[in-house]
Amino acid sequence: MFIKNKDHYDRVCKEGNYVSYEQCKEIAEKARKEKIKPYKISKDTWDIIRVAKNSMKADGKIKLPDAAIDRLIEKKVIGKKIPSYMKLPSHYDKGGFEK
């Protein structure tokens, strides 16, 4: 894609939900000044991601084994009920967790 001018650049950033280069520089500078450490995912979280990825069906839904669900409940990652933020909006027809 060729960017023609500043207005075109701003429009492409807005339409694609991108952060502009100027905003990235400001965020990086703020992080350097405040010495913010990057978020690192724990080993348990990587294990959960790996199990979920390997358990995904062709339609995008995830069916976790009972042992994995018990482990997630034990670590308090999920409750016995699936929280509303983990459910997909009703207009999606695939993906999400199965009950």
C-alpha atoms as a PDB file:
ATOM      1  CA  MET A   1       0.000   0.000   0.000  1.00  0.00           C
ATOM      2  CA  PHE A   2       1.265   3.446  -0.841  1.00  0.00           C
ATOM      3  CA  ILE A   3       0.497   6.267   1.582  1.00  0.00           C
ATOM      4  CA  LYS A   4      -0.208   9.423  -0.376  1.00  0.00           C
ATOM      5  CA  ASN A   5      -0.234  12.058   2.353  1.00  0.00           C
ATOM      6  CA  LYS A   6      -0.748  12.685   6.061  1.00  0.00           C
ATOM      7  CA  ASP A   7      -4.553  12.565   5.774  1.00  0.00           C
ATOM      8  CA  HIS A   8      -4.379   9.221   3.978  1.00  0.00           C
ATOM      9  CA  TYR A   9      -1.984   7.912   6.673  1.00  0.00           C
ATOM     10  CA  ASP A  10      -4.335   9.022   9.463  1.00  0.00           C
ATOM     11  CA  ARG A  11      -7.335   7.446   7.728  1.00  0.00           C
ATOM     12  CA  VAL A  12      -5.518   4.113   7.179  1.00  0.00           C
ATOM     13  CA  CYS A  13      -4.466   4.064  10.849  1.00  0.00           C
ATOM     14  CA  LYS A  14      -8.003   4.776  12.015  1.00  0.00           C
ATOM     15  CA  GLU A  15      -9.642   2.225   9.699  1.00  0.00           C
ATOM     16  CA  GLY A  16      -7.170  -0.515  10.610  1.00  0.00           C
ATOM     17  CA  ASN A  17      -7.169   0.301  14.338  1.00  0.00           C
ATOM     18  CA  TYR A  18      -3.433   0.965  14.146  1.00  0.00           C
ATOM     19  CA  VAL A  19      -1.436   3.168  16.444  1.00  0.00           C
ATOM     20  CA  SER A  20       0.355   5.910  14.556  1.00  0.00           C
ATOM     21  CA  TYR A  21       4.134   6.138  14.532  1.00  0.00           C
ATOM     22  CA  GLU A  22       4.003   9.320  16.604  1.00  0.00           C
ATOM     23  CA  GLN A  23       1.878   7.643  19.283  1.00  0.00           C
ATOM     24  CA  CYS A  24       4.252   4.655  19.336  1.00  0.00           C
ATOM     25  CA  LYS A  25       7.175   6.980  19.962  1.00  0.00           C
ATOM     26  CA  GLU A  26       5.282   8.663  22.831  1.00  0.00           C
ATOM     27  CA  ILE A  27       4.382   5.313  24.401  1.00  0.00           C
ATOM     28  CA  ALA A  28       7.963   4.048  24.130  1.00  0.00           C
ATOM     29  CA  GLU A  29       9.351   7.260  25.618  1.00  0.00           C
ATOM     30  CA  LYS A  30       6.890   7.089  28.517  1.00  0.00           C
ATOM     31  CA  ALA A  31       7.838   3.456  29.159  1.00  0.00           C
ATOM     32  CA  ARG A  32      11.549   4.372  29.171  1.00  0.00           C
ATOM     33  CA  LYS A  33      11.007   7.270  31.561  1.00  0.00           C
ATOM     34  CA  GLU A  34       8.836   5.267  33.959  1.00  0.00           C
ATOM     35  CA  LYS A  35      10.967   2.121  33.510  1.00  0.00           C
ATOM     36  CA  ILE A  36       7.919  -0.001  32.755  1.00  0.00           C
ATOM     37  CA  LYS A  37       8.871  -3.627  32.313  1.00  0.00           C
ATOM     38  CA  PRO A  38       7.244  -5.542  29.483  1.00  0.00           C
ATOM     39  CA  TYR A  39       4.549  -7.996  30.522  1.00  0.00           C
ATOM     40  CA  LYS A  40       5.859 -11.552  30.576  1.00  0.00           C
ATOM     41  CA  ILE A  41       3.504 -14.484  30.373  1.00  0.00           C
ATOM     42  CA  SER A  42       4.016 -17.135  33.041  1.00  0.00           C
ATOM     43  CA  LYS A  43       4.816 -20.770  32.293  1.00  0.00           C
ATOM     44  CA  ASP A  44       1.335 -21.807  33.484  1.00  0.00           C
ATOM     45  CA  THR A  45      -0.273 -19.338  31.083  1.00  0.00           C
ATOM     46  CA  TRP A  46       1.801 -20.688  28.178  1.00  0.00           C
ATOM     47  CA  ASP A  47       0.683 -24.207  29.133  1.00  0.00           C
ATOM     48  CA  ILE A  48      -2.960 -23.110  29.088  1.00  0.00           C
ATOM     49  CA  ILE A  49      -2.529 -21.418  25.708  1.00  0.00           C
ATOM     50  CA  ARG A  50      -0.826 -24.516  24.286  1.00  0.00           C
ATOM     51  CA  VAL A  51      -3.581 -26.863  25.522  1.00  0.00           C
ATOM     52  CA  ALA A  52      -6.306 -24.560  24.167  1.00  0.00           C
ATOM     53  CA  LYS A  53      -4.592 -24.208  20.791  1.00  0.00           C
ATOM     54  CA  ASN A  54      -4.137 -27.966  20.436  1.00  0.00           C
ATOM     55  CA  SER A  55      -7.758 -28.579  21.485  1.00  0.00           C
ATOM     56  CA  MET A  56      -9.332 -26.267  18.904  1.00  0.00           C
ATOM     57  CA  LYS A  57     -11.768 -27.868  16.499  1.00  0.00           C
ATOM     58  CA  ALA A  58     -12.151 -27.000  12.826  1.00  0.00           C
ATOM     59  CA  ASP A  59     -15.094 -24.702  13.586  1.00  0.00           C
ATOM     60  CA  GLY A  60     -12.948 -22.627  15.974  1.00  0.00           C
ATOM     61  CA  LYS A  61     -14.488 -23.928  19.209  1.00  0.00           C
ATOM     62  CA  ILE A  62     -12.321 -25.185  22.024  1.00  0.00           C
ATOM     63  CA  LYS A  63     -13.187 -28.402  23.850  1.00  0.00           C
ATOM     64  CA  LEU A  64     -10.831 -28.740  26.798  1.00  0.00           C
ATOM     65  CA  PRO A  65     -10.299 -32.104  28.475  1.00  0.00           C
ATOM     66  CA  ASP A  66     -11.772 -32.443  31.968  1.00  0.00           C
ATOM     67  CA  ALA A  67      -8.291 -32.551  33.503  1.00  0.00           C
ATOM     68  CA  ALA A  68      -7.397 -29.231  31.861  1.00  0.00           C
ATOM     69  CA  ILE A  69     -10.627 -27.625  33.067  1.00  0.00           C
ATOM     70  CA  ASP A  70     -10.001 -28.903  36.599  1.00  0.00           C
ATOM     71  CA  ARG A  71      -6.481 -27.466  36.503  1.00  0.00           C
ATOM     72  CA  LEU A  72      -7.786 -24.081  35.317  1.00  0.00           C
ATOM     73  CA  ILE A  73     -10.388 -24.050  38.097  1.00  0.00           C
ATOM     74  CA  GLU A  74      -7.721 -25.066  40.633  1.00  0.00           C
ATOM     75  CA  LYS A  75      -5.481 -22.171  39.534  1.00  0.00           C
ATOM     76  CA  LYS A  76      -8.538 -19.870  39.618  1.00  0.00           C
ATOM     77  CA  VAL A  77      -8.097 -18.957  35.960  1.00  0.00           C
ATOM     78  CA  ILE A  78     -11.730 -19.793  35.349  1.00  0.00           C
ATOM     79  CA  GLY A  79     -14.663 -20.464  37.641  1.00  0.00           C
ATOM     80  CA  LYS A  80     -17.120 -23.300  37.360  1.00  0.00           C
ATOM     81  CA  LYS A  81     -19.248 -21.018  35.208  1.00  0.00           C
ATOM     82  CA  ILE A  82     -17.768 -19.408  32.121  1.00  0.00           C
ATOM     83  CA  PRO A  83     -17.496 -15.660  32.767  1.00  0.00           C
ATOM     84  CA  SER A  84     -19.406 -13.385  30.412  1.00  0.00           C
ATOM     85  CA  TYR A  85     -16.202 -11.817  29.046  1.00  0.00           C
ATOM     86  CA  MET A  86     -15.094 -15.239  27.752  1.00  0.00           C
ATOM     87  CA  LYS A  87     -18.308 -15.758  25.791  1.00  0.00           C
ATOM     88  CA  LEU A  88     -18.545 -14.520  22.242  1.00  0.00           C
ATOM     89  CA  PRO A  89     -21.178 -11.959  21.285  1.00  0.00           C
ATOM     90  CA  SER A  90     -24.359 -13.483  19.896  1.00  0.00           C
ATOM     91  CA  HIS A  91     -23.669 -12.288  16.335  1.00  0.00           C
ATOM     92  CA  TYR A  92     -20.632 -14.615  16.046  1.00  0.00           C
ATOM     93  CA  ASP A  93     -21.453 -18.048  14.707  1.00  0.00           C
ATOM     94  CA  LYS A  94     -18.192 -19.836  15.518  1.00  0.00           C
ATOM     95  CA  GLY A  95     -15.390 -19.820  18.046  1.00  0.00           C
ATOM     96  CA  GLY A  96     -15.423 -19.472  21.820  1.00  0.00           C
ATOM     97  CA  PHE A  97     -15.605 -22.057  24.551  1.00  0.00           C
ATOM     98  CA  GLU A  98     -18.079 -24.907  24.502  1.00  0.00           C
ATOM     99  CA  LYS A  99     -20.203 -25.658  27.524  1.00  0.00           C
END
